[in-house]
Structure formats: structure tokens, C-alpha cells
């Protein structure tokens, strides 16, 4: 089957960072494919990269001078890293070694590429390439998670044959995949400009006493992914979060809440100002009828539970006309039918149905169910990709 050709990238300037990896040769094909889509490509090479592929090859394919130094001899360059960053639409680093990932994650700017990475205002697209032992190192993985939490994009790495003769995960994604991700990232960029989106995330806690509480295993990852994706696409984002265990996205209007009642008040106070609501939080269904001010010392305890506020029902009654509302449903059986019932009962525009194994995971297999009857079953995807697929649907309705 023929692969669909990405849209034109005419008038788009892409900075391509190339670092010291045997996979640097693949960057030549990335340049060729980007130029075929009419993109303007400027290549930035680290000193180590020049040991694998010569700058002349990149200059020939890109039609632009390769940038190799922050302070080149006998050249007046001024604030070169700022000028390049300001005039670009996207920075791609392919291949991205463990070294450059660590530098950018930790705020180290000791070369033209790492320094410029802090000046760009768009997400950075990384295509990691390294030996499987490096990729499996917890420091490297934590650096990648940190970069993703800041809104940057990881493409790969892939399983396959490695330069050392071993087989495993660490192989750089093929140029075709990298370029497709570039096209997708640029197509989505700013498509929610002028829109205001409210996202809830994390779990609430309903306190029995100052020490004990009723809660759930939510990490907040799905809600944070949605907030970060919406921000990257140009929206103003209000993030109301309960208890979470993953890095919070920067650049959002943030409000922390403890209980379901706290979250209900926060959400309703912001509701009049938004175009869409994404209720990804795992809000407790029940709370103790009485919360004790001191730790309960008895050997046995009987709890009487009452319903927590139904935030989605309150949103349905108080939202302004045209506000697009997305709910989430997590069930252990009859997932789709129960999600459809919740969509109708709570007057939702869309509901995202998922299973308990998504809780705490970096991936999810979800089904999108729309008010008008459309159903889209998504394969197992990263939660960042799930977030963008949800926002694609939202954009089509509020754009």
C-alpha cells in the first residue's frame, strides 16, 4: 500500500541538529526528504558529528552553510544561537546521543547545539540513537522522561541491529518516520491558538482522618499529556490537578486541589472562561460521611460513605453554550456500553474509554466515543500520542 505523502513544508525553516553517532549518516536522508517537501533546512553539527559525516555533504543537500561553532574564527556572528532559534519553526536532533539528551535535560549549554536548544520556543523533536546498554540506563531514561514532560517529542529508538553487532533497542528511527513526525508536529502547531482549554488530572483524596484517606492509583500522566499537548498547539491551558506522581508541564495556569469538593469548586470557577473541558482526573466516587480531625485510635472502624460531587454533571448544568466537554471512563467490564451510557447521562461531547491497566502506565489503548455516534478504536499508543489524537477531534469541533 502506498504511504501517504506528508503535506508540503514550504516556508518552514527546520533546524537539524546532528550529533556524534554512527547513525549520523541517516541525517543526510532526513535533509533530502525535508528539502523534497520544500522545507528550508539548516544543519547544526557537533564536533563529534563531523567525525562521522563531513559538513560538505550536508551543505550540498541543504543548500545552506552548516553551523558548527558558537564562536567561529574570523566571523562576525553576534547572537548566532538566538538568531537561528528565533527564525526557525522546529528543531530536530537526529541522531540524538545520550550525551545531548543529558545536556539539554540538565541545562548544560556548552556548544552551539545545546545552547540553541534553550532558545527555541517550539518543541524539540529528538530521534535517540545509542547502544542498548546506554538506552537501558536509568539516567538516560529519566532524562528522556524529563524532556517529554517539558513538551518535547521522542521518535524511537527502535529494536534492531546495532553498530556493535548486538541486537536490541537503541537503533535510530528511519528517516521516513522522522520526517513524518516533523510534518505531523508542524501541522498541529498553533492549531488551537486563541482557544482556552481546562484540563483536570490526578487523583483526589477523601480523608478519614489527617492520616488515612480514600483514593486511587492515578498518576496524572494522561491529564498532564493533554495539557502539554494543548499548550504546544497554541492553547491557553488551565490545569486543575489532584495528587500526581509525574512531572507537571510548565507554562500552564495551575491549581492544586486535594478533594473532590476542592476540584469541583476549582473547575466550576474556571468553566465560564474556556472553550473545552478535558476531565481526565480520577475523581473519587465516595467520601467518608465524617472526616475526623484527629487520628482515629480504635481497633475497628466502620465507615459510612456518601457520594462525592459529580463534577461532570455540574459542568453539564453550568457550561456556556458551545463549550466542548470530554469525559473519561474506566471500567473493568462492558467498557463501551458503560461509556456510552455515561456520555448520554452527563451530556458529553466525547468520552474516552480505557481499562485499569492504563492507570500508572506510559501507554494506553483507548476508544474515543463521540456524541454523534462515531467510535474510533485506537491501538496501544503513548499517552502523549493519545492526547494529540483526542485534541485532533476537539480541534475539529471548536476550531
Protein backbone atom coordinates (compact mmCIF):
# COMPACT_ATOMS: atom_id res chain seq x y z
CA UNK A 1 0.00 0.00 0.00
CA UNK A 2 1.42 3.42 -0.89
CA UNK A 3 2.28 5.61 2.08
CA UNK A 4 0.53 8.96 2.09
CA UNK A 5 2.93 11.79 1.26
CA UNK A 6 3.23 14.40 4.04
CA UNK A 7 1.93 17.87 3.34
CA UNK A 8 4.29 20.47 1.93
CA UNK A 9 6.65 22.19 4.34
CA UNK A 10 7.08 25.26 2.15
CA UNK A 11 8.15 28.38 4.08
CA UNK A 12 9.05 26.25 7.09
CA UNK A 13 12.56 26.58 8.47
CA UNK A 14 13.81 23.48 10.24
CA UNK A 15 16.98 23.30 12.28
CA UNK A 16 18.52 19.83 12.17
CA UNK A 17 20.98 19.05 14.93
CA UNK A 18 23.38 16.19 14.18
CA UNK A 19 25.42 14.65 17.00
CA UNK A 20 28.27 12.14 17.22
CA UNK A 21 26.72 8.79 16.37
CA UNK A 22 27.26 6.21 13.64
CA UNK A 23 23.62 6.96 12.75
CA UNK A 24 24.68 10.45 11.59
CA UNK A 25 24.60 9.16 8.01
CA UNK A 26 20.81 8.84 8.30
CA UNK A 27 20.58 12.59 8.85
CA UNK A 28 21.62 13.08 5.21
CA UNK A 29 18.45 11.30 4.10
CA UNK A 30 16.39 13.39 6.53
CA UNK A 31 17.74 16.54 4.89
CA UNK A 32 16.97 15.19 1.42
CA UNK A 33 13.40 14.29 2.36
CA UNK A 34 12.77 17.64 4.07
CA UNK A 35 14.08 19.52 1.06
CA UNK A 36 11.82 17.44 -1.19
CA UNK A 37 8.91 18.83 0.86
CA UNK A 38 10.23 22.37 0.21
CA UNK A 39 11.47 22.98 3.76
CA UNK A 40 14.39 25.29 4.40
CA UNK A 41 16.89 23.19 6.38
CA UNK A 42 19.86 24.47 8.37
CA UNK A 43 22.13 21.80 9.82
CA UNK A 44 23.91 22.28 13.15
CA UNK A 45 26.69 19.77 13.80
CA UNK A 46 28.56 19.00 16.99
CA UNK A 47 32.30 18.48 16.75
CA UNK A 48 31.82 14.74 17.26
CA UNK A 49 29.29 14.58 14.41
CA UNK A 50 31.87 15.87 11.95
CA UNK A 51 33.98 12.76 12.67
CA UNK A 52 31.24 10.57 11.15
CA UNK A 53 29.91 12.68 8.22
CA UNK A 54 31.53 15.70 6.58
CA UNK A 55 29.78 19.10 6.68
CA UNK A 56 30.13 19.42 2.90
CA UNK A 57 27.63 16.59 2.38
CA UNK A 58 25.01 18.44 4.43
CA UNK A 59 25.73 21.77 2.74
CA UNK A 60 25.30 20.16 -0.67
CA UNK A 61 21.93 18.64 0.21
CA UNK A 62 20.55 21.57 2.22
CA UNK A 63 21.90 24.43 0.16
CA UNK A 64 22.86 26.21 3.40
CA UNK A 65 26.08 26.61 5.32
CA UNK A 66 26.48 24.11 8.16
CA UNK A 67 26.73 25.68 11.62
CA UNK A 68 29.46 24.06 13.70
CA UNK A 69 30.66 26.61 16.25
CA UNK A 70 29.20 29.18 18.59
CA UNK A 71 32.22 31.48 18.06
CA UNK A 72 33.75 30.67 14.66
CA UNK A 73 37.11 32.25 13.94
CA UNK A 74 37.21 35.34 11.71
CA UNK A 75 33.42 35.62 11.50
CA UNK A 76 31.12 38.22 12.97
CA UNK A 77 28.11 36.22 14.15
CA UNK A 78 26.62 38.19 17.07
CA UNK A 79 23.97 36.25 18.98
CA UNK A 80 24.01 33.45 16.44
CA UNK A 81 22.17 30.89 18.59
CA UNK A 82 19.37 33.36 19.28
CA UNK A 83 19.03 34.43 15.66
CA UNK A 84 18.76 30.82 14.45
CA UNK A 85 16.29 29.85 17.16
CA UNK A 86 14.09 32.90 16.56
CA UNK A 87 13.83 32.30 12.83
CA UNK A 88 13.01 28.58 12.97
CA UNK A 89 9.78 26.61 13.13
CA UNK A 90 11.20 23.42 14.62
CA UNK A 91 14.42 21.98 16.00
CA UNK A 92 15.08 18.32 15.20
CA UNK A 93 18.03 16.47 16.76
CA UNK A 94 18.73 13.29 14.81
CA UNK A 95 20.64 11.34 15.83
CA UNK A 96 20.31 12.34 19.49
CA UNK A 97 23.01 10.74 21.62
CA UNK A 98 22.76 10.05 25.36
CA UNK A 99 25.17 12.97 25.78
CA UNK A 100 23.00 15.62 24.09
CA UNK A 101 19.84 14.29 25.79
CA UNK A 102 21.56 14.62 29.16
CA UNK A 103 22.91 18.09 28.45
CA UNK A 104 19.56 19.54 27.39
CA UNK A 105 17.67 17.80 30.20
CA UNK A 106 20.10 19.19 32.79
CA UNK A 107 20.50 22.72 31.42
CA UNK A 108 24.04 22.42 30.10
CA UNK A 109 24.81 24.62 27.10
CA UNK A 110 28.44 24.11 26.10
CA UNK A 111 28.18 24.02 22.29
CA UNK A 112 26.15 25.75 19.58
CA UNK A 113 23.52 22.99 19.51
CA UNK A 114 22.92 22.62 23.25
CA UNK A 115 22.95 26.40 23.73
CA UNK A 116 20.49 26.98 20.90
CA UNK A 117 18.15 24.29 22.29
CA UNK A 118 17.30 26.58 25.22
CA UNK A 119 16.42 29.47 22.93
CA UNK A 120 13.90 27.74 20.66
CA UNK A 121 10.24 28.30 21.50
CA UNK A 122 8.89 25.20 19.76
CA UNK A 123 9.02 21.60 20.98
CA UNK A 124 12.26 19.81 20.12
CA UNK A 125 11.96 16.55 18.22
CA UNK A 126 14.59 14.02 19.31
CA UNK A 127 15.50 10.81 17.47
CA UNK A 128 17.62 8.92 20.03
CA UNK A 129 20.41 6.64 18.81
CA UNK A 130 22.71 4.65 21.07
CA UNK A 131 23.74 1.19 22.23
CA UNK A 132 21.04 -0.74 24.07
CA UNK A 133 23.10 -0.62 27.30
CA UNK A 134 23.01 3.17 27.21
CA UNK A 135 19.31 3.27 26.35
CA UNK A 136 18.52 0.95 29.26
CA UNK A 137 20.47 3.13 31.70
CA UNK A 138 18.01 4.66 34.20
CA UNK A 139 19.71 8.06 33.97
CA UNK A 140 19.17 8.19 30.20
CA UNK A 141 15.55 7.09 30.54
CA UNK A 142 14.91 9.67 33.26
CA UNK A 143 16.42 12.40 31.06
CA UNK A 144 14.05 11.39 28.25
CA UNK A 145 11.06 11.43 30.59
CA UNK A 146 12.04 14.89 31.79
CA UNK A 147 12.34 16.20 28.24
CA UNK A 148 8.95 14.72 27.32
CA UNK A 149 7.39 16.29 30.43
CA UNK A 150 8.59 19.66 29.08
CA UNK A 151 6.68 19.06 25.84
CA UNK A 152 9.46 17.71 23.65
CA UNK A 153 8.92 14.73 21.34
CA UNK A 154 10.81 11.42 21.19
CA UNK A 155 10.80 9.44 17.94
CA UNK A 156 12.12 5.98 18.67
CA UNK A 157 14.52 4.42 19.27
CA UNK A 158 13.73 1.13 17.54
CA UNK A 159 14.60 -2.52 18.06
CA UNK A 160 17.14 -3.87 15.58
CA UNK A 161 20.75 -4.50 14.71
CA UNK A 162 23.17 -2.11 16.42
CA UNK A 163 26.58 -0.88 15.24
CA UNK A 164 28.40 -3.00 17.83
CA UNK A 165 26.93 -6.18 16.38
CA UNK A 166 24.36 -6.63 19.15
CA UNK A 167 20.61 -6.61 18.66
CA UNK A 168 18.30 -4.57 20.86
CA UNK A 169 16.57 -1.24 21.38
CA UNK A 170 18.63 1.84 20.58
CA UNK A 171 18.61 1.97 16.80
CA UNK A 172 17.62 5.38 15.40
CA UNK A 173 14.24 5.52 13.68
CA UNK A 174 14.39 5.55 9.90
CA UNK A 175 14.43 8.95 8.16
CA UNK A 176 10.95 8.42 6.68
CA UNK A 177 9.48 8.06 10.18
CA UNK A 178 11.36 11.09 11.50
CA UNK A 179 10.20 13.27 8.61
CA UNK A 180 6.60 12.09 9.01
CA UNK A 181 6.76 13.12 12.68
CA UNK A 182 8.18 16.50 11.68
CA UNK A 183 5.26 17.06 9.29
CA UNK A 184 2.74 15.99 11.93
CA UNK A 185 4.28 18.19 14.62
CA UNK A 186 4.30 21.25 12.38
CA UNK A 187 0.74 20.62 11.16
CA UNK A 188 -0.53 20.55 14.74
CA UNK A 189 1.49 23.52 15.92
CA UNK A 190 -0.72 26.52 16.79
CA UNK A 191 -3.93 24.89 15.51
CA UNK A 192 -5.51 25.67 18.90
CA UNK A 193 -4.28 29.27 19.04
CA UNK A 194 -6.82 31.58 20.63
CA UNK A 195 -8.57 28.72 22.44
CA UNK A 196 -8.69 28.18 26.19
CA UNK A 197 -8.78 24.62 27.49
CA UNK A 198 -9.39 23.35 31.02
CA UNK A 199 -7.77 20.03 31.93
CA UNK A 200 -8.16 18.06 35.16
CA UNK A 201 -5.64 15.42 36.20
CA UNK A 202 -4.56 13.15 39.01
CA UNK A 203 -6.46 11.56 41.86
CA UNK A 204 -8.39 13.13 44.71
CA UNK A 205 -8.15 12.09 48.35
CA UNK A 206 -11.14 11.83 50.65
CA UNK A 207 -9.87 11.98 54.20
CA UNK A 208 -10.98 9.65 57.00
CA UNK A 209 -8.68 11.48 59.40
CA UNK A 210 -5.47 13.52 58.97
CA UNK A 211 -3.51 10.34 58.16
CA UNK A 212 -5.87 7.99 56.31
CA UNK A 213 -7.79 8.63 53.11
CA UNK A 214 -9.69 7.00 50.24
CA UNK A 215 -8.06 7.44 46.84
CA UNK A 216 -6.91 5.58 43.71
CA UNK A 217 -3.78 4.81 41.71
CA UNK A 218 -3.92 7.72 39.26
CA UNK A 219 -0.54 9.27 38.42
CA UNK A 220 -1.93 12.23 36.45
CA UNK A 221 0.04 11.24 33.35
CA UNK A 222 -2.90 11.30 30.92
CA UNK A 223 -4.15 14.70 32.04
CA UNK A 224 -0.66 16.16 32.02
CA UNK A 225 -0.10 14.80 28.50
CA UNK A 226 -3.30 16.51 27.32
CA UNK A 227 -2.34 19.79 29.00
CA UNK A 228 1.14 19.72 27.48
CA UNK A 229 -0.16 18.83 24.01
CA UNK A 230 -2.78 21.60 24.11
CA UNK A 231 -0.13 24.11 25.18
CA UNK A 232 2.18 23.01 22.36
CA UNK A 233 -0.67 23.52 19.91
CA UNK A 234 -1.14 27.13 20.97
CA UNK A 235 -3.96 26.94 23.50
CA UNK A 236 -4.08 28.69 26.84
CA UNK A 237 -4.34 25.89 29.38
CA UNK A 238 -5.82 25.81 32.87
CA UNK A 239 -4.69 22.68 34.71
CA UNK A 240 -6.55 21.61 37.85
CA UNK A 241 -4.78 18.66 39.44
CA UNK A 242 -5.11 16.46 42.46
CA UNK A 243 -2.32 14.20 43.66
CA UNK A 244 0.10 13.11 40.94
CA UNK A 245 3.43 11.33 40.63
CA UNK A 246 4.79 12.59 37.30
CA UNK A 247 6.40 15.86 36.25
CA UNK A 248 3.98 18.76 35.85
CA UNK A 249 4.00 20.57 32.49
CA UNK A 250 5.32 24.11 32.58
CA UNK A 251 3.55 27.08 31.02
CA UNK A 252 0.04 26.26 32.24
CA UNK A 253 -2.22 28.08 34.71
CA UNK A 254 -2.01 25.56 37.56
CA UNK A 255 -4.25 24.94 40.55
CA UNK A 256 -3.72 22.14 43.07
CA UNK A 257 -6.72 20.54 44.75
CA UNK A 258 -6.95 17.81 47.39
CA UNK A 259 -10.51 16.52 47.50
CA UNK A 260 -13.34 16.05 45.01
CA UNK A 261 -15.14 19.03 46.52
CA UNK A 262 -12.00 21.18 46.10
CA UNK A 263 -11.67 20.11 42.46
CA UNK A 264 -15.36 20.74 41.81
CA UNK A 265 -15.08 24.33 43.07
CA UNK A 266 -11.90 24.98 41.11
CA UNK A 267 -13.27 23.58 37.84
CA UNK A 268 -16.57 25.47 38.08
CA UNK A 269 -14.77 28.75 38.83
CA UNK A 270 -12.76 28.44 35.59
CA UNK A 271 -15.54 26.94 33.43
CA UNK A 272 -17.07 30.23 32.12
CA UNK A 273 -13.75 31.22 30.52
CA UNK A 274 -12.95 28.09 28.50
CA UNK A 275 -13.75 26.63 25.08
CA UNK A 276 -13.24 22.99 26.08
CA UNK A 277 -13.01 20.86 29.20
CA UNK A 278 -10.99 17.64 29.43
CA UNK A 279 -11.91 15.82 32.65
CA UNK A 280 -9.06 13.30 32.86
CA UNK A 281 -8.85 13.37 36.66
CA UNK A 282 -9.65 10.21 38.61
CA UNK A 283 -12.15 11.78 40.98
CA UNK A 284 -13.24 9.71 43.97
CA UNK A 285 -16.83 8.48 43.82
CA UNK A 286 -17.27 8.29 47.60
CA UNK A 287 -16.12 10.19 50.66
CA UNK A 288 -16.50 9.47 54.40
CA UNK A 289 -19.65 10.98 55.80
CA UNK A 290 -17.49 12.31 58.62
CA UNK A 291 -13.81 13.27 58.49
CA UNK A 292 -12.14 13.12 61.92
CA UNK A 293 -9.88 15.98 62.99
CA UNK A 294 -7.63 13.61 64.96
CA UNK A 295 -6.21 10.20 64.06
CA UNK A 296 -8.74 7.50 64.90
CA UNK A 297 -7.26 5.12 67.51
CA UNK A 298 -9.93 2.40 67.66
CA UNK A 299 -9.02 -1.18 66.69
CA UNK A 300 -12.07 -1.44 64.45
CA UNK A 301 -13.59 1.21 62.25
CA UNK A 302 -16.91 1.42 60.48
CA UNK A 303 -17.04 3.91 57.62
CA UNK A 304 -20.26 5.39 56.31
CA UNK A 305 -19.67 6.68 52.80
CA UNK A 306 -21.59 9.32 50.84
CA UNK A 307 -21.32 10.35 47.20
CA UNK A 308 -18.70 12.90 46.16
CA UNK A 309 -19.77 15.79 43.93
CA UNK A 310 -20.33 14.66 40.33
CA UNK A 311 -18.17 17.25 38.59
CA UNK A 312 -19.24 16.31 35.06
CA UNK A 313 -22.93 16.66 35.97
CA UNK A 314 -22.22 20.11 37.41
CA UNK A 315 -20.34 21.07 34.25
CA UNK A 316 -23.29 19.91 32.12
CA UNK A 317 -25.64 22.22 34.04
CA UNK A 318 -23.36 25.26 34.22
CA UNK A 319 -21.33 25.29 30.96
CA UNK A 320 -21.90 28.05 28.45
CA UNK A 321 -23.26 27.19 25.02
CA UNK A 322 -20.60 25.78 22.71
CA UNK A 323 -18.24 24.51 25.41
CA UNK A 324 -16.88 21.13 24.31
CA UNK A 325 -16.70 18.62 27.17
CA UNK A 326 -14.65 15.41 27.17
CA UNK A 327 -15.08 12.81 29.91
CA UNK A 328 -13.13 9.66 30.71
CA UNK A 329 -14.46 6.24 31.61
CA UNK A 330 -12.52 3.41 33.25
CA UNK A 331 -14.38 0.13 33.69
CA UNK A 332 -13.47 -3.49 34.34
CA UNK A 333 -16.23 -4.90 32.09
CA UNK A 334 -18.74 -3.73 29.47
CA UNK A 335 -16.43 -0.77 28.88
CA UNK A 336 -18.02 0.57 25.70
CA UNK A 337 -21.65 0.26 26.76
CA UNK A 338 -20.98 1.84 30.12
CA UNK A 339 -19.00 4.64 28.47
CA UNK A 340 -21.88 5.32 26.06
CA UNK A 341 -24.29 5.46 28.98
CA UNK A 342 -22.05 7.94 30.82
CA UNK A 343 -21.75 10.09 27.69
CA UNK A 344 -25.54 10.37 27.38
CA UNK A 345 -26.23 10.82 31.09
CA UNK A 346 -23.65 13.57 31.56
CA UNK A 347 -24.27 15.38 28.26
CA UNK A 348 -20.72 14.92 27.00
CA UNK A 349 -19.43 15.67 23.52
CA UNK A 350 -16.88 12.87 23.71
CA UNK A 351 -15.86 10.16 26.14
CA UNK A 352 -12.56 8.30 26.29
CA UNK A 353 -12.97 4.68 27.35
CA UNK A 354 -9.98 2.86 28.79
CA UNK A 355 -9.14 -0.08 31.06
CA UNK A 356 -7.47 -0.28 34.52
CA UNK A 357 -4.12 -1.30 33.02
CA UNK A 358 -3.78 2.25 31.65
CA UNK A 359 -3.54 3.65 35.19
CA UNK A 360 0.08 4.40 36.00
CA UNK A 361 1.29 3.27 32.57
CA UNK A 362 3.06 5.41 29.96
CA UNK A 363 0.82 3.87 27.30
CA UNK A 364 -2.91 3.33 26.83
CA UNK A 365 -5.28 1.59 24.46
CA UNK A 366 -8.42 3.74 24.36
CA UNK A 367 -11.66 4.11 22.44
CA UNK A 368 -13.00 7.55 21.52
CA UNK A 369 -16.80 7.75 21.50
CA UNK A 370 -18.48 10.91 20.17
CA UNK A 371 -21.93 12.29 20.87
CA UNK A 372 -22.90 11.96 17.20
CA UNK A 373 -22.15 8.23 17.30
CA UNK A 374 -18.65 7.98 15.82
CA UNK A 375 -16.39 5.44 17.51
CA UNK A 376 -12.63 5.32 17.00
CA UNK A 377 -10.66 2.44 18.49
CA UNK A 378 -7.02 3.45 18.93
CA UNK A 379 -4.14 0.95 19.09
CA UNK A 380 -1.74 0.90 22.03
CA UNK A 381 -0.10 4.34 21.97
CA UNK A 382 1.95 6.53 24.27
CA UNK A 383 -0.25 8.81 26.33
CA UNK A 384 1.32 11.80 24.57
CA UNK A 385 0.07 10.44 21.24
CA UNK A 386 -3.34 9.60 22.75
CA UNK A 387 -3.54 13.22 23.93
CA UNK A 388 -2.92 14.54 20.42
CA UNK A 389 -5.47 12.15 18.92
CA UNK A 390 -8.07 13.40 21.41
CA UNK A 391 -7.19 17.02 20.66
CA UNK A 392 -7.44 16.36 16.91
CA UNK A 393 -11.12 15.57 17.50
CA UNK A 394 -11.62 18.56 19.80
CA UNK A 395 -9.98 20.91 17.31
CA UNK A 396 -12.36 19.81 14.56
CA UNK A 397 -15.29 20.84 16.76
CA UNK A 398 -14.09 24.08 18.35
CA UNK A 399 -11.72 25.27 15.60
